[in-house]
Amino acid sequence: MSAEIKTTTKTEEPKMCTRKEQIGHALGVLGHDSAYTMWGTWMMPFMTDILMLPAAFIGVLGTAGRFFDAFTDISMGVIADRTRSKWGRFRPWVLRAGPLFCLLMALSFIKLPIGVTGLCAVAGILYILTGSIAFTAVDIPFWSLPAAMTSNTAERSSIIGSTTTASNLVTGLLGVVMPIILAQFGTYEWTSYFYMALILAVFASIMYFLCFKMVREHVVPDDTEKFSLVLALKNIFTNQPLLCVQISNIFCLGGMVLRGYLLYYYCQYNLGNVALMAPLSAIGTVGMVVGAILFTLCAKRIGKKNCMFGIATIYAATNIALYFIGWGNYALLCVCAAITTTTSGAAIVCVNAMMADTIEYGEWKTGQRNEAMITSTRCFVTKCVAALAALVVVAAIGMTGMNPEAAVQAPAVLSGFHLLYTLVNACVMILAVIPMFFYKLDEKRHAEIMEELAARKAKK
């Protein structure tokens, strides 16, 4: 074991980042994910319960947005990889596109007195501008930064770990605060949503600026070699480890996002009090942070791939147990939430760490380094999963006959939400580990690839 560790360390490049730069990226995610969580999590309740838009329209809007994302995500990956400026490739987009996303996010939570047709039109335009254009323009460069900040895999994993922990904290905090605000100022008041969105927009803009000022890009591409779109696409579609990780990522995110969308409805109707979201979200925040820490410790001992198998087993078993327990016992519900969020936190960090390793694999295969293009696949998958999860929830609302104006829902509605919240979630996580049987880029193989890349650079 010790010999293997020494070999791996020898093949890694020297550390490049200061502590200040790592903190800068973590500060950036505080703004980035707080703004996106507000939009991504609360936009659907706002459209169903405040704007009262037809469920069919919301479903079509989400699907259309994801089709459009197939173009914008890849396009932004190409644009970011080809960007050249005195600030680097990715930092300029954090500075410019970040505040634009914040502005559109806040405007999305305004209710105008223009009738259902007018509201559908405005909501549709803002949805595409916010999620498919402005968010894409900042999200892909932001998550491409760790690979541009350093090529040292250990240092990069540290950046991803600290940023993911900060992301979990701010996402969980918003999950605690938002239900309290709704309960205090009115669940069905549009201003409750808008003022919170406005505050987060200002906060996120400041965090984007701090990230821009503190972070530096130390991995500079060779400008003597022209960017090749053919090689960039090959970097994605012939990158077998990346495809395995992305398929696993689809199901990991699917379970987490589906539960996130359902939590509002589950607490509002199954548990009978939206304020109960606050303690469940607080438990989720702690669980996600603990999960990230446990993954870091376990991955050193048993490797990332084996961690995924253990995570899926615990997550699925807990959700199956919760399905049979039901929603009547709130204490047991909290215990199950603690276990599932801990495993979810570990799974997300695990997938992100494995995905970062595929950047060097793609460079080794094609000779061209494409951080943004590979990151664009992650962003596209995230949006597709979010849309699909939203579509599932919308379909459940329509099929079960949920009435947003009724305080108490029919038994079929409550049973449907519980089934999605537990048993369907368990099945999704089981599907997430199937691609891991075909994932061959373990720590030893990555070290060998790093050694070959170093030899190529030295020869050149």
Protein backbone atom coordinates (compact mmCIF):
# COMPACT_ATOMS: atom_id res chain seq x y z
CA MET A 1 0.00 0.00 0.00
CA SER A 2 2.75 2.42 0.92
CA ALA A 3 4.65 1.71 -2.30
CA GLU A 4 1.54 2.48 -4.33
CA ILE A 5 1.04 5.78 -2.55
CA LYS A 6 4.64 6.78 -3.21
CA THR A 7 4.30 5.97 -6.89
CA THR A 8 1.12 8.03 -7.16
CA THR A 9 2.69 11.00 -5.43
CA LYS A 10 5.73 10.89 -7.68
CA THR A 11 3.66 11.15 -10.85
CA GLU A 12 1.69 14.18 -9.67
CA GLU A 13 2.76 17.67 -10.61
CA PRO A 14 3.82 20.22 -7.97
CA LYS A 15 1.15 22.08 -6.04
CA MET A 16 0.08 25.31 -7.70
CA CYS A 17 -2.64 26.95 -5.56
CA THR A 18 -2.48 29.08 -2.47
CA ARG A 19 -4.92 28.65 0.36
CA LYS A 20 -6.43 32.01 -0.56
CA GLU A 21 -7.33 30.74 -4.03
CA GLN A 22 -9.03 27.63 -2.65
CA ILE A 23 -11.05 29.81 -0.28
CA GLY A 24 -11.94 32.07 -3.19
CA HIS A 25 -13.49 29.21 -5.14
CA ALA A 26 -15.42 28.07 -2.05
CA LEU A 27 -16.72 31.63 -1.55
CA GLY A 28 -17.83 31.64 -5.17
CA VAL A 29 -19.96 28.56 -4.68
CA LEU A 30 -21.71 30.18 -1.72
CA GLY A 31 -23.19 32.69 -4.14
CA HIS A 32 -23.44 30.37 -7.13
CA ASP A 33 -25.37 27.59 -5.41
CA SER A 34 -27.48 29.81 -3.16
CA ALA A 35 -28.84 31.62 -6.23
CA TYR A 36 -29.31 28.43 -8.22
CA THR A 37 -30.89 26.57 -5.31
CA MET A 38 -33.40 29.37 -4.90
CA TRP A 39 -34.29 29.21 -8.58
CA GLY A 40 -34.02 25.47 -9.11
CA THR A 41 -35.82 24.35 -5.94
CA TRP A 42 -38.47 27.02 -5.47
CA MET A 43 -39.36 27.91 -9.04
CA MET A 44 -41.73 24.96 -9.35
CA PRO A 45 -43.72 25.67 -6.13
CA PHE A 46 -43.85 29.31 -7.24
CA MET A 47 -45.28 28.37 -10.65
CA THR A 48 -47.78 25.83 -9.26
CA ASP A 49 -48.92 27.50 -6.04
CA ILE A 50 -48.38 31.23 -6.73
CA LEU A 51 -48.72 31.71 -10.48
CA MET A 52 -51.04 28.66 -10.69
CA LEU A 53 -49.82 27.78 -14.15
CA PRO A 54 -51.15 24.59 -15.78
CA ALA A 55 -49.14 21.47 -14.96
CA ALA A 56 -48.97 20.57 -18.67
CA PHE A 57 -47.36 23.93 -19.47
CA ILE A 58 -44.75 23.51 -16.73
CA GLY A 59 -43.91 20.04 -18.02
CA VAL A 60 -43.54 21.23 -21.62
CA LEU A 61 -41.47 24.22 -20.49
CA GLY A 62 -39.04 22.03 -18.58
CA THR A 63 -38.66 19.60 -21.48
CA ALA A 64 -38.19 22.40 -24.04
CA GLY A 65 -35.60 24.05 -21.81
CA ARG A 66 -33.54 20.89 -21.64
CA PHE A 67 -33.57 20.45 -25.41
CA PHE A 68 -32.29 24.01 -25.69
CA ASP A 69 -29.63 23.24 -23.07
CA ALA A 70 -28.23 20.55 -25.36
CA PHE A 71 -27.14 23.43 -27.61
CA THR A 72 -26.21 26.07 -25.03
CA ASP A 73 -24.15 23.80 -22.75
CA ILE A 74 -21.93 22.41 -25.50
CA SER A 75 -21.66 25.86 -27.10
CA MET A 76 -20.57 27.39 -23.80
CA GLY A 77 -18.02 24.61 -23.33
CA VAL A 78 -16.49 25.48 -26.71
CA ILE A 79 -16.60 29.24 -26.00
CA ALA A 80 -14.99 28.88 -22.58
CA ASP A 81 -12.22 26.56 -23.81
CA ARG A 82 -11.44 29.01 -26.62
CA THR A 83 -11.56 32.14 -24.44
CA ARG A 84 -8.25 33.98 -24.12
CA SER A 85 -7.88 37.03 -21.88
CA LYS A 86 -5.50 38.57 -19.38
CA TRP A 87 -7.73 37.04 -16.67
CA GLY A 88 -7.66 33.53 -18.11
CA ARG A 89 -10.31 31.41 -19.80
CA PHE A 90 -12.94 31.03 -17.09
CA ARG A 91 -12.63 33.91 -14.63
CA PRO A 92 -14.05 36.54 -17.02
CA TRP A 93 -17.30 34.59 -17.27
CA VAL A 94 -17.63 34.40 -13.48
CA LEU A 95 -17.33 38.19 -13.33
CA ARG A 96 -19.75 38.97 -16.18
CA ALA A 97 -22.29 36.17 -16.43
CA GLY A 98 -22.67 35.64 -12.67
CA PRO A 99 -24.44 38.96 -11.86
CA LEU A 100 -26.60 38.61 -14.99
CA PHE A 101 -27.83 35.23 -13.77
CA CYS A 102 -28.57 36.74 -10.34
CA LEU A 103 -30.66 39.54 -11.87
CA LEU A 104 -32.75 37.19 -14.02
CA MET A 105 -33.17 34.79 -11.10
CA ALA A 106 -34.72 37.53 -8.94
CA LEU A 107 -36.99 38.70 -11.76
CA SER A 108 -38.30 35.15 -12.16
CA PHE A 109 -40.13 35.46 -8.83
CA ILE A 110 -42.35 38.40 -9.78
CA LYS A 111 -46.09 37.95 -10.28
CA LEU A 112 -47.63 40.40 -12.75
CA PRO A 113 -51.40 41.03 -13.11
CA ILE A 114 -51.51 39.90 -16.76
CA GLY A 115 -53.66 36.77 -16.71
CA VAL A 116 -52.72 33.12 -17.13
CA THR A 117 -51.65 33.44 -20.78
CA GLY A 118 -49.43 36.43 -20.05
CA LEU A 119 -47.92 34.72 -17.00
CA CYS A 120 -47.13 31.63 -19.08
CA ALA A 121 -45.37 33.78 -21.69
CA VAL A 122 -43.30 35.73 -19.15
CA ALA A 123 -42.47 32.64 -17.11
CA GLY A 124 -41.39 30.79 -20.25
CA ILE A 125 -39.08 33.57 -21.46
CA LEU A 126 -37.49 34.09 -18.04
CA TYR A 127 -37.09 30.34 -17.53
CA ILE A 128 -35.05 29.98 -20.73
CA LEU A 129 -33.03 33.17 -20.22
CA THR A 130 -32.24 32.31 -16.59
CA GLY A 131 -31.59 28.57 -16.70
CA SER A 132 -30.44 27.89 -20.25
CA ILE A 133 -28.41 31.02 -21.06
CA ALA A 134 -27.29 33.08 -18.06
CA PHE A 135 -26.77 30.16 -15.67
CA THR A 136 -24.97 28.12 -18.33
CA ALA A 137 -22.65 31.05 -19.07
CA VAL A 138 -21.39 31.09 -15.47
CA ASP A 139 -21.87 27.48 -14.34
CA ILE A 140 -19.58 25.80 -16.86
CA PRO A 141 -16.67 28.24 -16.37
CA PHE A 142 -17.09 28.14 -12.58
CA TRP A 143 -16.86 24.35 -12.36
CA SER A 144 -14.05 24.28 -14.92
CA LEU A 145 -11.90 26.44 -12.64
CA PRO A 146 -10.57 23.65 -10.32
CA ALA A 147 -8.92 21.86 -13.26
CA ALA A 148 -7.45 25.19 -14.46
CA MET A 149 -6.29 26.21 -10.99
CA THR A 150 -4.03 23.15 -10.67
CA SER A 151 -3.12 19.93 -12.45
CA ASN A 152 -2.14 18.28 -9.17
CA THR A 153 -4.88 15.72 -8.56
CA ALA A 154 -4.62 15.77 -4.76
CA GLU A 155 -4.77 19.56 -4.67
CA ARG A 156 -7.68 19.58 -7.11
CA SER A 157 -9.57 17.02 -5.03
CA SER A 158 -9.05 19.29 -2.03
CA ILE A 159 -10.55 22.22 -3.95
CA ILE A 160 -13.54 20.13 -5.04
CA GLY A 161 -14.01 18.80 -1.52
CA SER A 162 -13.97 22.21 0.18
CA THR A 163 -16.16 23.77 -2.51
CA THR A 164 -18.66 20.91 -2.33
CA THR A 165 -18.79 21.23 1.46
CA ALA A 166 -19.49 24.97 1.16
CA SER A 167 -22.13 24.18 -1.47
CA ASN A 168 -23.85 21.69 0.83
CA LEU A 169 -23.81 24.19 3.69
CA VAL A 170 -25.39 27.04 1.76
CA THR A 171 -27.92 24.77 0.05
CA GLY A 172 -28.95 23.29 3.37
CA LEU A 173 -29.11 26.70 5.05
CA LEU A 174 -31.45 27.95 2.36
CA GLY A 175 -33.56 24.84 2.85
CA VAL A 176 -33.89 25.77 6.52
CA VAL A 177 -34.48 29.50 6.08
CA MET A 178 -36.90 29.48 3.15
CA PRO A 179 -39.66 27.37 4.80
CA ILE A 180 -39.47 29.60 7.90
CA ILE A 181 -39.88 32.69 5.72
CA LEU A 182 -42.85 31.17 3.91
CA ALA A 183 -44.48 30.13 7.18
CA GLN A 184 -43.89 33.58 8.67
CA PHE A 185 -44.83 35.83 5.74
CA GLY A 186 -47.27 33.64 3.84
CA THR A 187 -46.87 30.46 1.80
CA TYR A 188 -49.10 31.85 -0.95
CA GLU A 189 -47.63 35.40 -1.06
CA TRP A 190 -45.41 36.01 -4.09
CA THR A 191 -43.49 38.73 -2.26
CA SER A 192 -42.19 36.11 0.22
CA TYR A 193 -40.38 34.45 -2.68
CA PHE A 194 -39.29 37.65 -4.44
CA TYR A 195 -37.66 39.42 -1.48
CA MET A 196 -35.69 36.30 -0.60
CA ALA A 197 -34.58 35.96 -4.22
CA LEU A 198 -33.53 39.62 -4.31
CA ILE A 199 -31.42 39.28 -1.16
CA LEU A 200 -29.73 36.17 -2.56
CA ALA A 201 -29.11 37.91 -5.89
CA VAL A 202 -27.14 40.69 -4.18
CA PHE A 203 -25.26 38.22 -1.98
CA ALA A 204 -24.38 35.95 -4.91
CA SER A 205 -23.12 38.86 -7.02
CA ILE A 206 -20.71 39.83 -4.25
CA MET A 207 -19.47 36.24 -3.92
CA TYR A 208 -18.89 35.98 -7.68
CA PHE A 209 -16.74 39.13 -7.52
CA LEU A 210 -14.69 37.78 -4.61
CA CYS A 211 -14.16 34.52 -6.46
CA PHE A 212 -12.96 36.41 -9.52
CA LYS A 213 -10.50 38.49 -7.46
CA MET A 214 -9.07 35.63 -5.36
CA VAL A 215 -8.77 32.75 -7.86
CA ARG A 216 -6.01 32.34 -10.44
CA GLU A 217 -5.71 29.97 -13.43
CA HIS A 218 -2.29 28.30 -13.33
CA VAL A 219 -2.86 25.59 -15.97
CA VAL A 220 -2.48 27.48 -19.23
CA PRO A 221 -3.22 25.74 -22.55
CA ASP A 222 -0.67 25.68 -25.35
CA ASP A 223 -1.64 28.58 -27.61
CA THR A 224 0.53 27.21 -30.41
CA GLU A 225 -2.02 24.44 -30.92
CA LYS A 226 -5.39 25.54 -32.27
CA PHE A 227 -8.58 24.42 -30.56
CA SER A 228 -10.19 21.53 -32.42
CA LEU A 229 -13.92 20.95 -32.04
CA VAL A 230 -13.50 17.45 -33.48
CA LEU A 231 -10.97 16.57 -30.78
CA ALA A 232 -13.15 18.20 -28.13
CA LEU A 233 -16.14 16.07 -29.13
CA LYS A 234 -13.89 13.02 -29.30
CA ASN A 235 -12.71 13.93 -25.82
CA ILE A 236 -16.29 13.42 -24.67
CA PHE A 237 -17.68 10.58 -26.73
CA THR A 238 -14.62 8.31 -26.67
CA ASN A 239 -13.94 8.97 -22.99
CA GLN A 240 -15.28 5.70 -21.59
CA PRO A 241 -14.65 6.54 -17.90
CA LEU A 242 -16.47 9.87 -18.36
CA LEU A 243 -19.50 8.15 -19.87
CA CYS A 244 -19.63 5.69 -16.96
CA VAL A 245 -19.38 8.48 -14.40
CA GLN A 246 -22.01 10.57 -16.17
CA ILE A 247 -24.51 7.71 -16.28
CA SER A 248 -23.92 7.15 -12.58
CA ASN A 249 -24.21 10.90 -12.03
CA ILE A 250 -27.61 10.95 -13.76
CA PHE A 251 -29.08 8.57 -11.21
CA CYS A 252 -27.27 10.05 -8.18
CA LEU A 253 -28.53 13.52 -9.02
CA GLY A 254 -31.92 12.11 -9.99
CA GLY A 255 -32.55 10.74 -6.54
CA MET A 256 -31.29 13.85 -4.77
CA VAL A 257 -33.13 16.35 -7.00
CA LEU A 258 -36.36 14.35 -6.98
CA ARG A 259 -36.35 14.34 -3.19
CA GLY A 260 -35.52 18.05 -3.15
CA TYR A 261 -38.50 18.89 -5.37
CA LEU A 262 -40.80 16.63 -3.38
CA LEU A 263 -39.78 17.91 0.05
CA TYR A 264 -42.01 20.99 -0.13
CA TYR A 265 -45.08 18.98 -1.16
CA TYR A 266 -44.24 16.13 1.23
CA CYS A 267 -44.01 18.46 4.22
CA GLN A 268 -46.93 20.64 3.16
CA TYR A 269 -49.37 17.79 2.57
CA ASN A 270 -48.09 14.45 3.94
CA LEU A 271 -46.74 15.94 7.16
CA GLY A 272 -49.27 18.79 7.21
CA ASN A 273 -46.83 21.63 7.95
CA VAL A 274 -44.37 23.28 5.54
CA ALA A 275 -42.34 24.53 8.52
CA LEU A 276 -41.19 20.93 9.08
CA MET A 277 -38.97 21.42 6.04
CA ALA A 278 -36.65 23.49 8.23
CA PRO A 279 -35.48 20.71 10.60
CA LEU A 280 -35.35 18.18 7.75
CA SER A 281 -33.24 20.59 5.72
CA ALA A 282 -30.97 21.21 8.71
CA ILE A 283 -30.49 17.46 9.09
CA GLY A 284 -29.77 17.31 5.37
CA THR A 285 -27.13 20.02 5.62
CA VAL A 286 -25.25 18.25 8.39
CA GLY A 287 -25.64 14.93 6.59
CA MET A 288 -24.22 16.25 3.31
CA VAL A 289 -21.18 17.73 5.07
CA VAL A 290 -20.57 14.56 7.09
CA GLY A 291 -20.96 12.49 3.94
CA ALA A 292 -18.32 14.55 2.12
CA ILE A 293 -15.89 14.08 5.03
CA LEU A 294 -16.57 10.35 5.32
CA PHE A 295 -16.04 9.88 1.60
CA THR A 296 -12.63 11.59 1.80
CA LEU A 297 -11.58 9.22 4.57
CA CYS A 298 -13.03 6.07 3.00
CA ALA A 299 -11.75 6.78 -0.52
CA LYS A 300 -8.16 6.77 0.75
CA ARG A 301 -8.66 3.28 2.14
CA ILE A 302 -10.92 1.49 -0.33
CA GLY A 303 -10.98 3.75 -3.41
CA LYS A 304 -13.75 5.83 -5.00
CA LYS A 305 -15.36 2.99 -6.92
CA ASN A 306 -15.84 0.77 -3.85
CA CYS A 307 -17.22 3.75 -1.96
CA MET A 308 -20.03 4.03 -4.50
CA PHE A 309 -21.12 0.44 -3.91
CA GLY A 310 -21.31 0.97 -0.15
CA ILE A 311 -23.12 4.28 -0.55
CA ALA A 312 -25.80 2.81 -2.82
CA THR A 313 -26.43 -0.15 -0.51
CA ILE A 314 -27.00 1.99 2.58
CA TYR A 315 -29.08 4.60 0.70
CA ALA A 316 -31.39 2.05 -0.94
CA ALA A 317 -31.91 0.02 2.23
CA THR A 318 -32.83 3.13 4.23
CA ASN A 319 -35.39 4.30 1.67
CA ILE A 320 -37.00 0.88 1.43
CA ALA A 321 -37.33 0.81 5.21
CA LEU A 322 -38.88 4.29 5.20
CA TYR A 323 -41.43 3.21 2.60
CA PHE A 324 -42.82 0.55 4.94
CA ILE A 325 -42.54 2.79 8.04
CA GLY A 326 -44.73 5.46 6.41
CA TRP A 327 -44.86 9.19 7.10
CA GLY A 328 -46.66 9.02 10.44
CA ASN A 329 -43.52 8.72 12.59
CA TYR A 330 -41.63 12.00 12.26
CA ALA A 331 -38.75 10.90 14.51
CA LEU A 332 -37.96 7.88 12.34
CA LEU A 333 -38.37 10.06 9.27
CA CYS A 334 -35.63 12.34 10.61
CA VAL A 335 -33.33 9.38 11.30
CA CYS A 336 -33.80 8.09 7.76
CA ALA A 337 -33.21 11.60 6.42
CA ALA A 338 -29.90 11.78 8.28
CA ILE A 339 -28.73 8.49 6.77
CA THR A 340 -29.86 9.22 3.21
CA THR A 341 -28.42 12.74 3.11
CA THR A 342 -25.09 11.51 4.50
CA THR A 343 -24.85 8.92 1.75
CA SER A 344 -26.05 11.46 -0.84
CA GLY A 345 -23.31 13.88 0.20
CA ALA A 346 -20.70 11.16 -0.15
CA ALA A 347 -22.06 10.08 -3.54
CA ILE A 348 -21.97 13.57 -5.07
CA VAL A 349 -18.38 14.24 -3.98
CA CYS A 350 -17.39 10.77 -5.19
CA VAL A 351 -18.88 11.33 -8.64
CA ASN A 352 -17.32 14.80 -8.96
CA ALA A 353 -13.89 13.50 -7.95
CA MET A 354 -14.06 10.67 -10.49
CA MET A 355 -15.24 13.08 -13.18
CA ALA A 356 -12.23 15.34 -12.58
CA ASP A 357 -9.93 12.36 -13.18
CA THR A 358 -11.45 11.86 -16.63
CA ILE A 359 -10.03 15.22 -17.79
CA GLU A 360 -6.52 13.78 -17.83
CA TYR A 361 -7.83 10.58 -19.41
CA GLY A 362 -9.34 12.60 -22.26
CA GLU A 363 -6.10 14.56 -22.66
CA TRP A 364 -4.17 11.29 -22.74
CA LYS A 365 -6.48 9.89 -25.44
CA THR A 366 -6.71 12.94 -27.73
CA GLY A 367 -3.76 15.20 -26.88
CA GLN A 368 -6.12 18.14 -26.21
CA ARG A 369 -7.16 19.30 -22.74
CA ASN A 370 -10.85 20.28 -22.51
CA GLU A 371 -11.91 21.18 -18.97
CA ALA A 372 -14.93 23.25 -20.08
CA MET A 373 -16.21 20.74 -22.63
CA ILE A 374 -16.12 17.94 -20.09
CA THR A 375 -17.66 20.22 -17.47
CA SER A 376 -20.41 21.12 -19.97
CA THR A 377 -21.51 17.48 -20.01
CA ARG A 378 -21.86 17.62 -16.23
CA CYS A 379 -23.89 20.82 -16.40
CA PHE A 380 -26.10 19.44 -19.16
CA VAL A 381 -26.73 16.25 -17.19
CA THR A 382 -27.58 18.28 -14.07
CA LYS A 383 -30.17 20.35 -15.94
CA CYS A 384 -31.67 17.32 -17.71
CA VAL A 385 -32.01 15.49 -14.42
CA ALA A 386 -33.57 18.55 -12.77
CA ALA A 387 -36.07 18.85 -15.62
CA LEU A 388 -36.88 15.14 -15.58
CA ALA A 389 -37.37 15.18 -11.81
CA ALA A 390 -39.62 18.23 -12.16
CA LEU A 391 -41.55 16.45 -14.90
CA VAL A 392 -42.04 13.42 -12.64
CA VAL A 393 -43.36 15.63 -9.83
CA VAL A 394 -45.63 17.53 -12.22
CA ALA A 395 -46.90 14.22 -13.61
CA ALA A 396 -47.57 13.01 -10.07
CA ILE A 397 -49.48 16.21 -9.33
CA GLY A 398 -51.60 15.73 -12.42
CA MET A 399 -52.14 11.97 -12.17
CA THR A 400 -53.04 11.93 -8.48
CA GLY A 401 -55.33 14.94 -8.79
CA MET A 402 -53.56 17.22 -6.33
CA ASN A 403 -55.46 20.46 -5.74
CA PRO A 404 -53.13 23.34 -4.69
CA GLU A 405 -56.11 25.22 -3.20
CA ALA A 406 -56.99 22.34 -0.85
CA ALA A 407 -55.31 22.21 2.56
CA VAL A 408 -55.86 18.43 2.81
CA GLN A 409 -55.11 16.22 -0.18
CA ALA A 410 -56.73 12.93 -1.19
CA PRO A 411 -55.11 9.66 0.02
CA ALA A 412 -53.97 8.86 -3.54
CA VAL A 413 -51.97 12.11 -3.62
CA LEU A 414 -50.26 11.39 -0.30
CA SER A 415 -49.48 7.78 -1.24
CA GLY A 416 -48.06 8.90 -4.59
CA PHE A 417 -45.74 11.43 -2.98
CA HIS A 418 -44.58 8.86 -0.41
CA LEU A 419 -43.87 6.28 -3.11
CA LEU A 420 -41.71 8.76 -5.05
CA TYR A 421 -40.01 10.01 -1.89
CA THR A 422 -38.92 6.53 -0.78
CA LEU A 423 -39.19 3.45 -3.01
CA VAL A 424 -38.57 5.17 -6.35
CA ASN A 425 -35.61 6.95 -4.78
CA ALA A 426 -34.15 3.61 -3.66
CA CYS A 427 -34.43 2.16 -7.17
CA VAL A 428 -32.74 5.22 -8.67
CA MET A 429 -29.67 4.84 -6.45
CA ILE A 430 -29.39 1.13 -7.24
CA LEU A 431 -29.26 2.03 -10.94
CA ALA A 432 -26.49 4.54 -10.16
CA VAL A 433 -23.92 1.86 -9.30
CA ILE A 434 -24.42 -0.32 -12.39
CA PRO A 435 -22.01 1.80 -14.52
CA MET A 436 -19.36 1.39 -11.83
CA PHE A 437 -18.90 -2.24 -12.90
CA PHE A 438 -17.48 -0.87 -16.18
CA TYR A 439 -15.43 2.00 -14.72
CA LYS A 440 -11.73 1.09 -14.99
CA LEU A 441 -10.02 4.42 -14.19
CA ASP A 442 -8.98 3.64 -10.63
CA GLU A 443 -6.32 5.48 -8.66
CA LYS A 444 -3.50 3.27 -9.96
CA ARG A 445 -4.47 3.73 -13.61
CA HIS A 446 -4.81 7.50 -13.17
CA ALA A 447 -1.29 7.65 -11.73
CA GLU A 448 0.03 5.81 -14.79
CA ILE A 449 -1.73 8.25 -17.12
CA MET A 450 -0.29 11.23 -15.23
CA GLU A 451 3.17 9.74 -15.63
CA GLU A 452 2.69 9.32 -19.38
CA LEU A 453 1.38 12.88 -19.76
CA ALA A 454 4.39 14.22 -17.84
CA ALA A 455 6.70 12.28 -20.13
CA ARG A 456 4.98 13.71 -23.24
CA LYS A 457 5.31 17.27 -21.94
CA ALA A 458 8.98 16.75 -21.06
CA LYS A 459 9.70 15.34 -24.52
CA LYS A 460 7.86 18.21 -26.23
